[in-house]
Amino acid sequence: MCLTLVRATYDPPLPAERWAWKVFRVTARGGLAGVYKRIDRAWPEGIWLRATGPVTLVAELTVQTYASGFHCFETKKAARAYLHQMRPYHARKIVKVHIRDIVARGDQKGPCIVAKRLMIPL
């Protein structure tokens, strides 16, 4: 997912840990995986995951580059709005996750955070 609007970028990343909401795809075995990756392997729970690489957003004749990361929502309402634009959304789930090392804030159907680290609670 790319942000439709980048409001702020942080270099170095903001280190504070906080809660956010993420939309996951439910795998055939009931695990949680990234929404757009068609790999049917669940992400591990209870450990910190790390994202790598940059993302370039091209929109309305502007180019914005920001560090890649886990796209999460600041509110459950925003996650729900994003979820309901997806088809099918019956194989998706909203989960409250821990994030840290925030590299960008913006919008994607609501307030969105891009973080370098994410942990799915057990």
PDB file of N, CA and C in Angstrom:
ATOM      1  N   MET A   1       0.854  -1.161   0.000  1.00  0.00           N
ATOM      2  CA  MET A   1       0.000   0.000   0.000  1.00  0.00           C
ATOM      3  C   MET A   1       0.900   1.224   0.000  1.00  0.00           C
ATOM      4  N   CYS A   2       0.501   2.244  -0.721  1.00  0.00           N
ATOM      5  CA  CYS A   2       1.208   3.521  -0.702  1.00  0.00           C
ATOM      6  C   CYS A   2       0.301   4.572  -0.074  1.00  0.00           C
ATOM      7  N   LEU A   3       0.892   5.514   0.590  1.00  0.00           N
ATOM      8  CA  LEU A   3       0.122   6.616   1.154  1.00  0.00           C
ATOM      9  C   LEU A   3      -0.408   7.487   0.023  1.00  0.00           C
ATOM     10  N   THR A   4      -1.664   7.913   0.102  1.00  0.00           N
ATOM     11  CA  THR A   4      -2.190   8.831  -0.905  1.00  0.00           C
ATOM     12  C   THR A   4      -1.701  10.246  -0.645  1.00  0.00           C
ATOM     13  N   LEU A   5      -1.292  10.518   0.586  1.00  0.00           N
ATOM     14  CA  LEU A   5      -0.736  11.815   0.953  1.00  0.00           C
ATOM     15  C   LEU A   5       0.287  11.606   2.053  1.00  0.00           C
ATOM     16  N   VAL A   6       1.503  12.116   1.846  1.00  0.00           N
ATOM     17  CA  VAL A   6       2.532  12.056   2.872  1.00  0.00           C
ATOM     18  C   VAL A   6       2.515  13.375   3.620  1.00  0.00           C
ATOM     19  N   ARG A   7       2.200  13.333   4.914  1.00  0.00           N
ATOM     20  CA  ARG A   7       2.138  14.553   5.726  1.00  0.00           C
ATOM     21  C   ARG A   7       3.478  14.893   6.369  1.00  0.00           C
ATOM     22  N   ALA A   8       4.245  13.863   6.745  1.00  0.00           N
ATOM     23  CA  ALA A   8       5.530  14.101   7.412  1.00  0.00           C
ATOM     24  C   ALA A   8       6.404  12.872   7.246  1.00  0.00           C
ATOM     25  N   THR A   9       7.713  13.105   7.166  1.00  0.00           N
ATOM     26  CA  THR A   9       8.677  12.013   7.173  1.00  0.00           C
ATOM     27  C   THR A   9       9.673  12.279   8.301  1.00  0.00           C
ATOM     28  N   TYR A  10      10.250  11.213   8.814  1.00  0.00           N
ATOM     29  CA  TYR A  10      11.156  11.325   9.954  1.00  0.00           C
ATOM     30  C   TYR A  10      12.453  10.575   9.667  1.00  0.00           C
ATOM     31  N   ASP A  11      13.560  11.309   9.693  1.00  0.00           N
ATOM     32  CA  ASP A  11      14.876  10.722   9.513  1.00  0.00           C
ATOM     33  C   ASP A  11      15.824  11.394  10.497  1.00  0.00           C
ATOM     34  N   PRO A  12      16.200  10.750  11.580  1.00  0.00           N
ATOM     35  CA  PRO A  12      15.971   9.342  11.904  1.00  0.00           C
ATOM     36  C   PRO A  12      14.516   9.084  12.334  1.00  0.00           C
ATOM     37  N   PRO A  13      14.115   7.793  12.306  1.00  0.00           N
ATOM     38  CA  PRO A  13      12.744   7.439  12.699  1.00  0.00           C
ATOM     39  C   PRO A  13      12.428   7.817  14.146  1.00  0.00           C
ATOM     40  N   LEU A  14      11.144   8.080  14.410  1.00  0.00           N
ATOM     41  CA  LEU A  14      10.702   8.345  15.783  1.00  0.00           C
ATOM     42  C   LEU A  14      10.727   7.024  16.549  1.00  0.00           C
ATOM     43  N   PRO A  15      11.497   6.938  17.633  1.00  0.00           N
ATOM     44  CA  PRO A  15      11.708   5.653  18.302  1.00  0.00           C
ATOM     45  C   PRO A  15      10.582   5.214  19.238  1.00  0.00           C
ATOM     46  N   ALA A  16       9.674   6.091  19.574  1.00  0.00           N
ATOM     47  CA  ALA A  16       8.648   5.753  20.571  1.00  0.00           C
ATOM     48  C   ALA A  16       7.800   4.566  20.117  1.00  0.00           C
ATOM     49  N   GLU A  17       7.499   3.718  21.081  1.00  0.00           N
ATOM     50  CA  GLU A  17       6.626   2.571  20.824  1.00  0.00           C
ATOM     51  C   GLU A  17       5.196   2.985  21.093  1.00  0.00           C
ATOM     52  N   ARG A  18       4.268   2.511  20.258  1.00  0.00           N
ATOM     53  CA  ARG A  18       2.857   2.830  20.450  1.00  0.00           C
ATOM     54  C   ARG A  18       1.985   1.750  19.817  1.00  0.00           C
ATOM     55  N   TRP A  19       0.692   1.871  20.068  1.00  0.00           N
ATOM     56  CA  TRP A  19      -0.290   0.959  19.481  1.00  0.00           C
ATOM     57  C   TRP A  19      -0.816   1.564  18.187  1.00  0.00           C
ATOM     58  N   ALA A  20      -1.186   0.693  17.255  1.00  0.00           N
ATOM     59  CA  ALA A  20      -1.838   1.106  16.013  1.00  0.00           C
ATOM     60  C   ALA A  20      -2.686  -0.076  15.541  1.00  0.00           C
ATOM     61  N   TRP A  21      -3.430   0.119  14.466  1.00  0.00           N
ATOM     62  CA  TRP A  21      -4.268  -0.941  13.919  1.00  0.00           C
ATOM     63  C   TRP A  21      -3.802  -1.267  12.520  1.00  0.00           C
ATOM     64  N   LYS A  22      -3.723  -2.559  12.208  1.00  0.00           N
ATOM     65  CA  LYS A  22      -3.274  -3.004  10.892  1.00  0.00           C
ATOM     66  C   LYS A  22      -4.287  -3.977  10.315  1.00  0.00           C
ATOM     67  N   VAL A  23      -4.487  -3.868   8.998  1.00  0.00           N
ATOM     68  CA  VAL A  23      -5.369  -4.796   8.286  1.00  0.00           C
ATOM     69  C   VAL A  23      -4.512  -5.937   7.758  1.00  0.00           C
ATOM     70  N   PHE A  24      -4.879  -7.155   8.106  1.00  0.00           N
ATOM     71  CA  PHE A  24      -4.174  -8.349   7.659  1.00  0.00           C
ATOM     72  C   PHE A  24      -5.078  -9.197   6.777  1.00  0.00           C
ATOM     73  N   ARG A  25      -4.462 -10.054   5.990  1.00  0.00           N
ATOM     74  CA  ARG A  25      -5.167 -11.099   5.259  1.00  0.00           C
ATOM     75  C   ARG A  25      -5.085 -12.351   6.113  1.00  0.00           C
ATOM     76  N   VAL A  26      -6.163 -13.095   6.227  1.00  0.00           N
ATOM     77  CA  VAL A  26      -6.176 -14.343   6.994  1.00  0.00           C
ATOM     78  C   VAL A  26      -5.772 -15.470   6.040  1.00  0.00           C
ATOM     79  N   THR A  27      -4.721 -16.213   6.403  1.00  0.00           N
ATOM     80  CA  THR A  27      -4.232 -17.300   5.552  1.00  0.00           C
ATOM     81  C   THR A  27      -5.155 -18.504   5.633  1.00  0.00           C
ATOM     82  N   ALA A  28      -4.920 -19.476   4.758  1.00  0.00           N
ATOM     83  CA  ALA A  28      -5.739 -20.696   4.732  1.00  0.00           C
ATOM     84  C   ALA A  28      -5.672 -21.447   6.057  1.00  0.00           C
ATOM     85  N   ARG A  29      -4.564 -21.294   6.778  1.00  0.00           N
ATOM     86  CA  ARG A  29      -4.410 -21.970   8.072  1.00  0.00           C
ATOM     87  C   ARG A  29      -4.806 -21.099   9.250  1.00  0.00           C
ATOM     88  N   GLY A  30      -5.358 -19.917   8.975  1.00  0.00           N
ATOM     89  CA  GLY A  30      -5.841 -19.053  10.045  1.00  0.00           C
ATOM     90  C   GLY A  30      -4.827 -18.065  10.592  1.00  0.00           C
ATOM     91  N   GLY A  31      -3.629 -18.001  10.008  1.00  0.00           N
ATOM     92  CA  GLY A  31      -2.616 -17.040  10.441  1.00  0.00           C
ATOM     93  C   GLY A  31      -2.859 -15.667   9.815  1.00  0.00           C
ATOM     94  N   LEU A  32      -2.040 -14.700  10.186  1.00  0.00           N
ATOM     95  CA  LEU A  32      -2.145 -13.341   9.664  1.00  0.00           C
ATOM     96  C   LEU A  32      -0.985 -13.074   8.718  1.00  0.00           C
ATOM     97  N   ALA A  33      -1.286 -12.488   7.548  1.00  0.00           N
ATOM     98  CA  ALA A  33      -0.258 -12.196   6.550  1.00  0.00           C
ATOM     99  C   ALA A  33      -0.542 -10.836   5.942  1.00  0.00           C
ATOM    100  N   GLY A  34       0.428 -10.323   5.184  1.00  0.00           N
ATOM    101  CA  GLY A  34       0.256  -9.041   4.507  1.00  0.00           C
ATOM    102  C   GLY A  34      -0.905  -9.076   3.531  1.00  0.00           C
ATOM    103  N   VAL A  35      -1.580  -7.969   3.387  1.00  0.00           N
ATOM    104  CA  VAL A  35      -2.786  -7.907   2.558  1.00  0.00           C
ATOM    105  C   VAL A  35      -2.481  -8.175   1.092  1.00  0.00           C
ATOM    106  N   TYR A  36      -1.412  -7.600   0.554  1.00  0.00           N
ATOM    107  CA  TYR A  36      -1.179  -7.667  -0.882  1.00  0.00           C
ATOM    108  C   TYR A  36      -0.217  -8.759  -1.318  1.00  0.00           C
ATOM    109  N   LYS A  37       0.443  -9.411  -0.418  1.00  0.00           N
ATOM    110  CA  LYS A  37       1.358 -10.483  -0.796  1.00  0.00           C
ATOM    111  C   LYS A  37       0.573 -11.784  -0.896  1.00  0.00           C
ATOM    112  N   ARG A  38       0.744 -12.501  -1.959  1.00  0.00           N
ATOM    113  CA  ARG A  38      -0.004 -13.741  -2.150  1.00  0.00           C
ATOM    114  C   ARG A  38       0.739 -14.949  -1.575  1.00  0.00           C
ATOM    115  N   ILE A  39       1.677 -14.716  -0.702  1.00  0.00           N
ATOM    116  CA  ILE A  39       2.388 -15.804  -0.028  1.00  0.00           C
ATOM    117  C   ILE A  39       1.517 -16.251   1.142  1.00  0.00           C
ATOM    118  N   ASP A  40       1.178 -17.529   1.175  1.00  0.00           N
ATOM    119  CA  ASP A  40       0.293 -18.022   2.235  1.00  0.00           C
ATOM    120  C   ASP A  40       1.107 -18.478   3.440  1.00  0.00           C
ATOM    121  N   ARG A  41       1.960 -17.577   3.928  1.00  0.00           N
ATOM    122  CA  ARG A  41       2.768 -17.864   5.115  1.00  0.00           C
ATOM    123  C   ARG A  41       2.444 -16.802   6.155  1.00  0.00           C
ATOM    124  N   ALA A  42       2.060 -17.238   7.314  1.00  0.00           N
ATOM    125  CA  ALA A  42       1.671 -16.306   8.375  1.00  0.00           C
ATOM    126  C   ALA A  42       2.890 -15.567   8.925  1.00  0.00           C
ATOM    127  N   TRP A  43       2.685 -14.312   9.309  1.00  0.00           N
ATOM    128  CA  TRP A  43       3.725 -13.536   9.978  1.00  0.00           C
ATOM    129  C   TRP A  43       3.837 -14.039  11.407  1.00  0.00           C
ATOM    130  N   PRO A  44       5.040 -14.119  11.945  1.00  0.00           N
ATOM    131  CA  PRO A  44       5.193 -14.596  13.329  1.00  0.00           C
ATOM    132  C   PRO A  44       4.610 -13.605  14.333  1.00  0.00           C
ATOM    133  N   GLU A  45       4.081 -14.123  15.399  1.00  0.00           N
ATOM    134  CA  GLU A  45       3.505 -13.294  16.456  1.00  0.00           C
ATOM    135  C   GLU A  45       4.462 -13.244  17.645  1.00  0.00           C
ATOM    136  N   GLY A  46       4.431 -12.126  18.375  1.00  0.00           N
ATOM    137  CA  GLY A  46       5.215 -12.011  19.599  1.00  0.00           C
ATOM    138  C   GLY A  46       6.667 -11.628  19.409  1.00  0.00           C
ATOM    139  N   ILE A  47       7.096 -11.334  18.169  1.00  0.00           N
ATOM    140  CA  ILE A  47       8.475 -10.874  17.935  1.00  0.00           C
ATOM    141  C   ILE A  47       8.428  -9.610  17.064  1.00  0.00           C
ATOM    142  N   TRP A  48       9.468  -8.783  17.181  1.00  0.00           N
ATOM    143  CA  TRP A  48       9.536  -7.565  16.383  1.00  0.00           C
ATOM    144  C   TRP A  48       9.964  -7.911  14.959  1.00  0.00           C
ATOM    145  N   LEU A  49       9.180  -7.454  13.982  1.00  0.00           N
ATOM    146  CA  LEU A  49       9.503  -7.603  12.562  1.00  0.00           C
ATOM    147  C   LEU A  49      10.081  -6.280  12.072  1.00  0.00           C
ATOM    148  N   ARG A  50      10.970  -6.326  11.066  1.00  0.00           N
ATOM    149  CA  ARG A  50      11.611  -5.114  10.554  1.00  0.00           C
ATOM    150  C   ARG A  50      11.409  -5.014   9.044  1.00  0.00           C
ATOM    151  N   ALA A  51      11.023  -3.832   8.571  1.00  0.00           N
ATOM    152  CA  ALA A  51      10.859  -3.563   7.143  1.00  0.00           C
ATOM    153  C   ALA A  51      12.137  -2.950   6.581  1.00  0.00           C
ATOM    154  N   THR A  52      12.374  -3.149   5.283  1.00  0.00           N
ATOM    155  CA  THR A  52      13.554  -2.587   4.626  1.00  0.00           C
ATOM    156  C   THR A  52      13.171  -1.963   3.291  1.00  0.00           C
ATOM    157  N   GLY A  53      14.026  -1.060   2.775  1.00  0.00           N
ATOM    158  CA  GLY A  53      13.863  -0.486   1.442  1.00  0.00           C
ATOM    159  C   GLY A  53      13.009   0.758   1.394  1.00  0.00           C
ATOM    160  N   PRO A  54      13.217   1.622   0.360  1.00  0.00           N
ATOM    161  CA  PRO A  54      12.418   2.846   0.208  1.00  0.00           C
ATOM    162  C   PRO A  54      11.178   2.633  -0.659  1.00  0.00           C
ATOM    163  N   VAL A  55      10.243   3.562  -0.587  1.00  0.00           N
ATOM    164  CA  VAL A  55       9.036   3.575  -1.417  1.00  0.00           C
ATOM    165  C   VAL A  55       8.969   4.934  -2.083  1.00  0.00           C
ATOM    166  N   THR A  56       8.612   4.972  -3.360  1.00  0.00           N
ATOM    167  CA  THR A  56       8.432   6.242  -4.052  1.00  0.00           C
ATOM    168  C   THR A  56       6.970   6.384  -4.417  1.00  0.00           C
ATOM    169  N   LEU A  57       6.369   7.496  -4.043  1.00  0.00           N
ATOM    170  CA  LEU A  57       4.971   7.783  -4.338  1.00  0.00           C
ATOM    171  C   LEU A  57       4.933   8.854  -5.415  1.00  0.00           C
ATOM    172  N   VAL A  58       4.245   8.573  -6.516  1.00  0.00           N
ATOM    173  CA  VAL A  58       4.070   9.548  -7.592  1.00  0.00           C
ATOM    174  C   VAL A  58       2.582   9.857  -7.663  1.00  0.00           C
ATOM    175  N   ALA A  59       2.211  11.085  -7.355  1.00  0.00           N
ATOM    176  CA  ALA A  59       0.806  11.472  -7.364  1.00  0.00           C
ATOM    177  C   ALA A  59       0.685  12.940  -7.734  1.00  0.00           C
ATOM    178  N   GLU A  60      -0.239  13.229  -8.611  1.00  0.00           N
ATOM    179  CA  GLU A  60      -0.538  14.603  -9.009  1.00  0.00           C
ATOM    180  C   GLU A  60       0.719  15.389  -9.366  1.00  0.00           C
ATOM    181  N   LEU A  61       1.545  14.811 -10.217  1.00  0.00           N
ATOM    182  CA  LEU A  61       2.753  15.449 -10.737  1.00  0.00           C
ATOM    183  C   LEU A  61       3.810  15.744  -9.682  1.00  0.00           C
ATOM    184  N   THR A  62       3.726  15.110  -8.533  1.00  0.00           N
ATOM    185  CA  THR A  62       4.769  15.253  -7.523  1.00  0.00           C
ATOM    186  C   THR A  62       5.341  13.883  -7.212  1.00  0.00           C
ATOM    187  N   VAL A  63       6.563  13.851  -6.807  1.00  0.00           N
ATOM    188  CA  VAL A  63       7.217  12.596  -6.423  1.00  0.00           C
ATOM    189  C   VAL A  63       7.686  12.739  -4.990  1.00  0.00           C
ATOM    190  N   GLN A  64       7.283  11.807  -4.150  1.00  0.00           N
ATOM    191  CA  GLN A  64       7.705  11.810  -2.754  1.00  0.00           C
ATOM    192  C   GLN A  64       8.301  10.445  -2.451  1.00  0.00           C
ATOM    193  N   THR A  65       9.478  10.424  -1.874  1.00  0.00           N
ATOM    194  CA  THR A  65      10.107   9.170  -1.481  1.00  0.00           C
ATOM    195  C   THR A  65      10.161   9.129   0.038  1.00  0.00           C
ATOM    196  N   TYR A  66       9.764   7.999   0.609  1.00  0.00           N
ATOM    197  CA  TYR A  66       9.844   7.824   2.047  1.00  0.00           C
ATOM    198  C   TYR A  66      10.275   6.397   2.323  1.00  0.00           C
ATOM    199  N   ALA A  67      10.815   6.156   3.483  1.00  0.00           N
ATOM    200  CA  ALA A  67      11.285   4.818   3.832  1.00  0.00           C
ATOM    201  C   ALA A  67      10.106   3.854   3.867  1.00  0.00           C
ATOM    202  N   SER A  68      10.323   2.642   3.415  1.00  0.00           N
ATOM    203  CA  SER A  68       9.248   1.653   3.450  1.00  0.00           C
ATOM    204  C   SER A  68       9.000   1.235   4.893  1.00  0.00           C
ATOM    205  N   GLY A  69       7.904   0.560   5.093  1.00  0.00           N
ATOM    206  CA  GLY A  69       7.586   0.096   6.424  1.00  0.00           C
ATOM    207  C   GLY A  69       6.213  -0.526   6.468  1.00  0.00           C
ATOM    208  N   PHE A  70       5.787  -0.810   7.654  1.00  0.00           N
ATOM    209  CA  PHE A  70       4.476  -1.404   7.880  1.00  0.00           C
ATOM    210  C   PHE A  70       3.451  -0.272   7.933  1.00  0.00           C
ATOM    211  N   HIS A  71       2.458  -0.327   7.059  1.00  0.00           N
ATOM    212  CA  HIS A  71       1.420   0.695   7.029  1.00  0.00           C
ATOM    213  C   HIS A  71       0.336   0.311   8.019  1.00  0.00           C
ATOM    214  N   CYS A  72       0.149   1.152   9.017  1.00  0.00           N
ATOM    215  CA  CYS A  72      -0.838   0.913  10.070  1.00  0.00           C
ATOM    216  C   CYS A  72      -1.698   2.155  10.206  1.00  0.00           C
ATOM    217  N   PHE A  73      -2.804   2.004  10.869  1.00  0.00           N
ATOM    218  CA  PHE A  73      -3.733   3.115  11.034  1.00  0.00           C
ATOM    219  C   PHE A  73      -3.730   3.619  12.469  1.00  0.00           C
ATOM    220  N   GLU A  74      -3.877   4.929  12.614  1.00  0.00           N
ATOM    221  CA  GLU A  74      -3.878   5.542  13.941  1.00  0.00           C
ATOM    222  C   GLU A  74      -5.162   5.239  14.702  1.00  0.00           C
ATOM    223  N   THR A  75      -6.254   4.983  13.970  1.00  0.00           N
ATOM    224  CA  THR A  75      -7.536   4.675  14.610  1.00  0.00           C
ATOM    225  C   THR A  75      -8.132   3.406  14.009  1.00  0.00           C
ATOM    226  N   LYS A  76      -8.931   2.729  14.800  1.00  0.00           N
ATOM    227  CA  LYS A  76      -9.620   1.534  14.296  1.00  0.00           C
ATOM    228  C   LYS A  76     -10.644   1.934  13.236  1.00  0.00           C
ATOM    229  N   LYS A  77     -11.232   3.114  13.374  1.00  0.00           N
ATOM    230  CA  LYS A  77     -12.196   3.612  12.393  1.00  0.00           C
ATOM    231  C   LYS A  77     -11.548   3.747  11.018  1.00  0.00           C
ATOM    232  N   ALA A  78     -10.314   4.272  10.972  1.00  0.00           N
ATOM    233  CA  ALA A  78      -9.603   4.416   9.698  1.00  0.00           C
ATOM    234  C   ALA A  78      -9.266   3.045   9.110  1.00  0.00           C
ATOM    235  N   ALA A  79      -8.881   2.096   9.960  1.00  0.00           N
ATOM    236  CA  ALA A  79      -8.597   0.737   9.485  1.00  0.00           C
ATOM    237  C   ALA A  79      -9.855   0.103   8.909  1.00  0.00           C
ATOM    238  N   ARG A  80     -10.982   0.328   9.561  1.00  0.00           N
ATOM    239  CA  ARG A  80     -12.259  -0.205   9.076  1.00  0.00           C
ATOM    240  C   ARG A  80     -12.629   0.393   7.715  1.00  0.00           C
ATOM    241  N   ALA A  81     -12.412   1.697   7.546  1.00  0.00           N
ATOM    242  CA  ALA A  81     -12.703   2.357   6.265  1.00  0.00           C
ATOM    243  C   ALA A  81     -11.837   1.765   5.154  1.00  0.00           C
ATOM    244  N   TYR A  82     -10.564   1.517   5.454  1.00  0.00           N
ATOM    245  CA  TYR A  82      -9.662   0.914   4.477  1.00  0.00           C
ATOM    246  C   TYR A  82     -10.096  -0.518   4.167  1.00  0.00           C
ATOM    247  N   LEU A  83     -10.445  -1.272   5.199  1.00  0.00           N
ATOM    248  CA  LEU A  83     -10.880  -2.655   5.030  1.00  0.00           C
ATOM    249  C   LEU A  83     -12.098  -2.745   4.117  1.00  0.00           C
ATOM    250  N   HIS A  84     -13.046  -1.851   4.299  1.00  0.00           N
ATOM    251  CA  HIS A  84     -14.303  -1.937   3.550  1.00  0.00           C
ATOM    252  C   HIS A  84     -14.191  -1.478   2.104  1.00  0.00           C
ATOM    253  N   GLN A  85     -13.046  -0.939   1.704  1.00  0.00           N
ATOM    254  CA  GLN A  85     -12.846  -0.640   0.293  1.00  0.00           C
ATOM    255  C   GLN A  85     -12.271  -1.845  -0.450  1.00  0.00           C
ATOM    256  N   MET A  86     -11.868  -2.890   0.289  1.00  0.00           N
ATOM    257  CA  MET A  86     -11.244  -4.067  -0.300  1.00  0.00           C
ATOM    258  C   MET A  86     -12.290  -5.115  -0.647  1.00  0.00           C
ATOM    259  N   ARG A  87     -12.026  -5.859  -1.698  1.00  0.00           N
ATOM    260  CA  ARG A  87     -12.871  -6.985  -2.068  1.00  0.00           C
ATOM    261  C   ARG A  87     -11.977  -8.171  -2.307  1.00  0.00           C
ATOM    262  N   PRO A  88     -12.188  -9.341  -1.771  1.00  0.00           N
ATOM    263  CA  PRO A  88     -13.170  -9.569  -0.715  1.00  0.00           C
ATOM    264  C   PRO A  88     -12.601  -9.140   0.632  1.00  0.00           C
ATOM    265  N   TYR A  89     -13.448  -8.624   1.493  1.00  0.00           N
ATOM    266  CA  TYR A  89     -12.947  -8.268   2.814  1.00  0.00           C
ATOM    267  C   TYR A  89     -13.298  -9.306   3.857  1.00  0.00           C
ATOM    268  N   HIS A  90     -13.935 -10.399   3.438  1.00  0.00           N
ATOM    269  CA  HIS A  90     -14.234 -11.459   4.404  1.00  0.00           C
ATOM    270  C   HIS A  90     -12.981 -12.216   4.839  1.00  0.00           C
ATOM    271  N   ALA A  91     -11.896 -12.147   4.065  1.00  0.00           N
ATOM    272  CA  ALA A  91     -10.659 -12.844   4.426  1.00  0.00           C
ATOM    273  C   ALA A  91      -9.648 -11.870   5.015  1.00  0.00           C
ATOM    274  N   ARG A  92     -10.128 -10.774   5.581  1.00  0.00           N
ATOM    275  CA  ARG A  92      -9.273  -9.751   6.170  1.00  0.00           C
ATOM    276  C   ARG A  92      -9.633  -9.575   7.639  1.00  0.00           C
ATOM    277  N   LYS A  93      -8.671  -9.074   8.410  1.00  0.00           N
ATOM    278  CA  LYS A  93      -8.901  -8.892   9.841  1.00  0.00           C
ATOM    279  C   LYS A  93      -8.127  -7.671  10.319  1.00  0.00           C
ATOM    280  N   ILE A  94      -8.723  -6.887  11.202  1.00  0.00           N
ATOM    281  CA  ILE A  94      -8.066  -5.730  11.809  1.00  0.00           C
ATOM    282  C   ILE A  94      -7.503  -6.172  13.154  1.00  0.00           C
ATOM    283  N   VAL A  95      -6.207  -5.903  13.359  1.00  0.00           N
ATOM    284  CA  VAL A  95      -5.533  -6.324  14.588  1.00  0.00           C
ATOM    285  C   VAL A  95      -4.818  -5.122  15.192  1.00  0.00           C
ATOM    286  N   LYS A  96      -4.919  -4.978  16.507  1.00  0.00           N
ATOM    287  CA  LYS A  96      -4.172  -3.941  17.228  1.00  0.00           C
ATOM    288  C   LYS A  96      -2.745  -4.452  17.401  1.00  0.00           C
ATOM    289  N   VAL A  97      -1.771  -3.671  16.917  1.00  0.00           N
ATOM    290  CA  VAL A  97      -0.372  -4.093  16.911  1.00  0.00           C
ATOM    291  C   VAL A  97       0.505  -3.056  17.612  1.00  0.00           C
ATOM    292  N   HIS A  98       1.696  -3.490  18.037  1.00  0.00           N
ATOM    293  CA  HIS A  98       2.723  -2.579  18.559  1.00  0.00           C
ATOM    294  C   HIS A  98       3.558  -2.113  17.371  1.00  0.00           C
ATOM    295  N   ILE A  99       3.888  -0.816  17.328  1.00  0.00           N
ATOM    296  CA  ILE A  99       4.807  -0.314  16.304  1.00  0.00           C
ATOM    297  C   ILE A  99       5.848   0.585  16.962  1.00  0.00           C
ATOM    298  N   ARG A 100       6.976   0.747  16.274  1.00  0.00           N
ATOM    299  CA  ARG A 100       7.990   1.721  16.697  1.00  0.00           C
ATOM    300  C   ARG A 100       8.848   2.070  15.485  1.00  0.00           C
ATOM    301  N   ASP A 101       9.688   3.077  15.640  1.00  0.00           N
ATOM    302  CA  ASP A 101      10.513   3.590  14.547  1.00  0.00           C
ATOM    303  C   ASP A 101       9.635   4.088  13.387  1.00  0.00           C
ATOM    304  N   ILE A 102       8.818   5.099  13.680  1.00  0.00           N
ATOM    305  CA  ILE A 102       7.921   5.683  12.683  1.00  0.00           C
ATOM    306  C   ILE A 102       8.734   6.505  11.689  1.00  0.00           C
ATOM    307  N   VAL A 103       8.545   6.224  10.390  1.00  0.00           N
ATOM    308  CA  VAL A 103       9.289   6.935   9.344  1.00  0.00           C
ATOM    309  C   VAL A 103       8.420   7.902   8.553  1.00  0.00           C
ATOM    310  N   ALA A 104       7.092   7.746   8.616  1.00  0.00           N
ATOM    311  CA  ALA A 104       6.207   8.654   7.878  1.00  0.00           C
ATOM    312  C   ALA A 104       4.801   8.626   8.468  1.00  0.00           C
ATOM    313  N   ARG A 105       4.104   9.734   8.257  1.00  0.00           N
ATOM    314  CA  ARG A 105       2.678   9.830   8.572  1.00  0.00           C
ATOM    315  C   ARG A 105       1.990  10.379   7.341  1.00  0.00           C
ATOM    316  N   GLY A 106       0.770   9.919   7.129  1.00  0.00           N
ATOM    317  CA  GLY A 106       0.034  10.395   5.962  1.00  0.00           C
ATOM    318  C   GLY A 106      -1.397   9.916   5.991  1.00  0.00           C
ATOM    319  N   ASP A 107      -1.977   9.784   4.810  1.00  0.00           N
ATOM    320  CA  ASP A 107      -3.363   9.351   4.686  1.00  0.00           C
ATOM    321  C   ASP A 107      -3.479   8.186   3.718  1.00  0.00           C
ATOM    322  N   GLN A 108      -4.351   7.260   4.057  1.00  0.00           N
ATOM    323  CA  GLN A 108      -4.749   6.145   3.205  1.00  0.00           C
ATOM    324  C   GLN A 108      -6.126   5.730   3.693  1.00  0.00           C
ATOM    325  N   LYS A 109      -7.145   6.437   3.238  1.00  0.00           N
ATOM    326  CA  LYS A 109      -8.523   6.259   3.743  1.00  0.00           C
ATOM    327  C   LYS A 109      -8.620   6.639   5.212  1.00  0.00           C
ATOM    328  N   GLY A 110      -7.708   7.455   5.708  1.00  0.00           N
ATOM    329  CA  GLY A 110      -7.674   7.899   7.096  1.00  0.00           C
ATOM    330  C   GLY A 110      -6.239   8.056   7.544  1.00  0.00           C
ATOM    331  N   PRO A 111      -6.028   8.531   8.781  1.00  0.00           N
ATOM    332  CA  PRO A 111      -4.666   8.748   9.271  1.00  0.00           C
ATOM    333  C   PRO A 111      -3.861   7.446   9.317  1.00  0.00           C
ATOM    334  N   CYS A 112      -2.708   7.467   8.673  1.00  0.00           N
ATOM    335  CA  CYS A 112      -1.888   6.270   8.526  1.00  0.00           C
ATOM    336  C   CYS A 112      -0.466   6.558   9.013  1.00  0.00           C
ATOM    337  N   ILE A 113       0.170   5.534   9.547  1.00  0.00           N
ATOM    338  CA  ILE A 113       1.546   5.611  10.038  1.00  0.00           C
ATOM    339  C   ILE A 113       2.354   4.552   9.296  1.00  0.00           C
ATOM    340  N   VAL A 114       3.575   4.901   8.912  1.00  0.00           N
ATOM    341  CA  VAL A 114       4.493   3.918   8.335  1.00  0.00           C
ATOM    342  C   VAL A 114       5.605   3.717   9.360  1.00  0.00           C
ATOM    343  N   ALA A 115       5.751   2.490   9.842  1.00  0.00           N
ATOM    344  CA  ALA A 115       6.734   2.186  10.896  1.00  0.00           C
ATOM    345  C   ALA A 115       7.700   1.104  10.418  1.00  0.00           C
ATOM    346  N   LYS A 116       8.950   1.222  10.832  1.00  0.00           N
ATOM    347  CA  LYS A 116       9.969   0.236  10.474  1.00  0.00           C
ATOM    348  C   LYS A 116       9.811  -1.074  11.243  1.00  0.00           C
ATOM    349  N   ARG A 117       9.234  -0.999  12.429  1.00  0.00           N
ATOM    350  CA  ARG A 117       9.106  -2.214  13.253  1.00  0.00           C
ATOM    351  C   ARG A 117       7.653  -2.419  13.671  1.00  0.00           C
ATOM    352  N   LEU A 118       7.266  -3.688  13.694  1.00  0.00           N
ATOM    353  CA  LEU A 118       5.896  -4.064  14.040  1.00  0.00           C
ATOM    354  C   LEU A 118       5.923  -5.382  14.804  1.00  0.00           C
ATOM    355  N   MET A 119       5.059  -5.491  15.815  1.00  0.00           N
ATOM    356  CA  MET A 119       4.914  -6.748  16.529  1.00  0.00           C
ATOM    357  C   MET A 119       3.430  -7.048  16.680  1.00  0.00           C
ATOM    358  N   ILE A 120       3.058  -8.260  16.268  1.00  0.00           N
ATOM    359  CA  ILE A 120       1.695  -8.740  16.466  1.00  0.00           C
ATOM    360  C   ILE A 120       1.671  -9.382  17.853  1.00  0.00           C
ATOM    361  N   PRO A 121       0.845  -8.871  18.768  1.00  0.00           N
ATOM    362  CA  PRO A 121       0.821  -9.451  20.115  1.00  0.00           C
ATOM    363  C   PRO A 121       0.370 -10.910  20.093  1.00  0.00           C
ATOM    364  N   LEU A 122       0.850 -11.670  21.051  1.00  0.00           N
ATOM    365  CA  LEU A 122       0.435 -13.079  21.162  1.00  0.00           C
ATOM    366  C   LEU A 122      -1.009 -13.183  21.587  1.00  0.00           C
TER     367      LEU A 122
END
